[in-house]
Protein backbone atom coordinates (compact mmCIF):
# COMPACT_ATOMS: atom_id res chain seq x y z
CA UNK A 1 -48.66 -74.78 142.19
CA UNK A 2 -49.76 -74.91 138.58
CA UNK A 3 -49.24 -77.94 136.38
CA UNK A 4 -46.61 -76.01 134.40
CA UNK A 5 -44.67 -75.14 137.58
CA UNK A 6 -44.86 -78.74 138.79
CA UNK A 7 -43.61 -80.14 135.49
CA UNK A 8 -40.84 -77.54 135.36
CA UNK A 9 -39.74 -78.51 138.86
CA UNK A 10 -39.79 -82.21 137.96
CA UNK A 11 -37.81 -81.53 134.78
CA UNK A 12 -35.17 -79.57 136.71
CA UNK A 13 -34.88 -82.31 139.34
CA UNK A 14 -34.53 -84.96 136.65
CA UNK A 15 -31.77 -82.92 135.01
CA UNK A 16 -29.91 -82.60 138.34
CA UNK A 17 -30.15 -86.37 138.79
CA UNK A 18 -28.70 -86.93 135.32
CA UNK A 19 -25.80 -84.57 136.05
CA UNK A 20 -25.08 -86.35 139.35
CA UNK A 21 -25.20 -89.73 137.62
CA UNK A 22 -22.58 -88.56 135.13
CA UNK A 23 -20.46 -87.26 138.02
CA UNK A 24 -20.82 -90.62 139.78
CA UNK A 25 -19.60 -92.36 136.63
CA UNK A 26 -16.53 -90.11 136.49
CA UNK A 27 -15.82 -90.68 140.20
CA UNK A 28 -16.19 -94.44 139.76
CA UNK A 29 -13.59 -94.39 136.99
CA UNK A 30 -11.34 -92.19 139.12
CA UNK A 31 -11.60 -94.64 142.02
CA UNK A 32 -10.71 -97.55 139.73
CA UNK A 33 -7.69 -95.69 138.37
CA UNK A 34 -6.58 -94.66 141.88
CA UNK A 35 -6.70 -98.29 142.99
CA UNK A 36 -4.26 -99.24 140.25
CA UNK A 37 -1.89 -96.31 140.91
CA UNK A 38 -1.92 -96.59 144.69
CA UNK A 39 0.62 -99.40 144.76
CA UNK A 40 3.15 -97.08 143.15
CA UNK A 41 2.78 -94.39 145.85
CA UNK A 42 4.82 -94.31 149.04
CA UNK A 43 2.89 -95.13 152.20
CA UNK A 44 1.19 -92.07 153.67
CA UNK A 45 0.51 -91.35 157.34
CA UNK A 46 -2.73 -92.84 158.67
CA UNK A 47 -4.42 -89.45 159.05
CA UNK A 48 -4.19 -88.79 155.30
CA UNK A 49 -6.71 -90.36 152.97
CA UNK A 50 -5.61 -92.23 149.89
CA UNK A 51 -6.73 -91.04 146.44
CA UNK A 52 -8.98 -94.10 146.16
CA UNK A 53 -10.57 -93.39 149.54
CA UNK A 54 -11.22 -89.77 148.59
CA UNK A 55 -12.82 -90.83 145.30
CA UNK A 56 -14.97 -93.47 147.01
CA UNK A 57 -16.22 -90.99 149.62
CA UNK A 58 -17.19 -88.54 146.89
CA UNK A 59 -18.83 -91.33 144.88
CA UNK A 60 -20.90 -92.54 147.82
CA UNK A 61 -21.96 -88.99 148.62
CA UNK A 62 -23.13 -88.38 145.05
CA UNK A 63 -24.96 -91.74 144.95
CA UNK A 64 -26.78 -90.87 148.20
CA UNK A 65 -27.81 -87.52 146.68
CA UNK A 66 -29.09 -89.33 143.57
CA UNK A 67 -31.21 -91.64 145.71
CA UNK A 68 -32.70 -88.71 147.66
CA UNK A 69 -33.40 -86.78 144.45
CA UNK A 70 -34.97 -89.84 142.84
CA UNK A 71 -37.22 -90.27 145.86
CA UNK A 72 -38.26 -86.61 145.51
CA UNK A 73 -38.96 -87.11 141.82
CA UNK A 74 -41.04 -90.27 142.33
CA UNK A 75 -42.86 -89.88 145.64
CA UNK A 76 -45.09 -92.74 146.69
């Protein structure tokens, strides 16, 4: 791999991390808003996930992806 290819790969990975961080921020705000609105909703059956739970699952998934990508970007 040439230096140019390596730097291009690192740049692309960094960009993906930035995009995922922005998505995590949006999901975090969505989870906060869902927490406030959930008290107004009727109780749902146990097998259905609440809007807050859905947002938190997505948020945690994106944050795990960010950590993996960051590890790939900065190997020790």
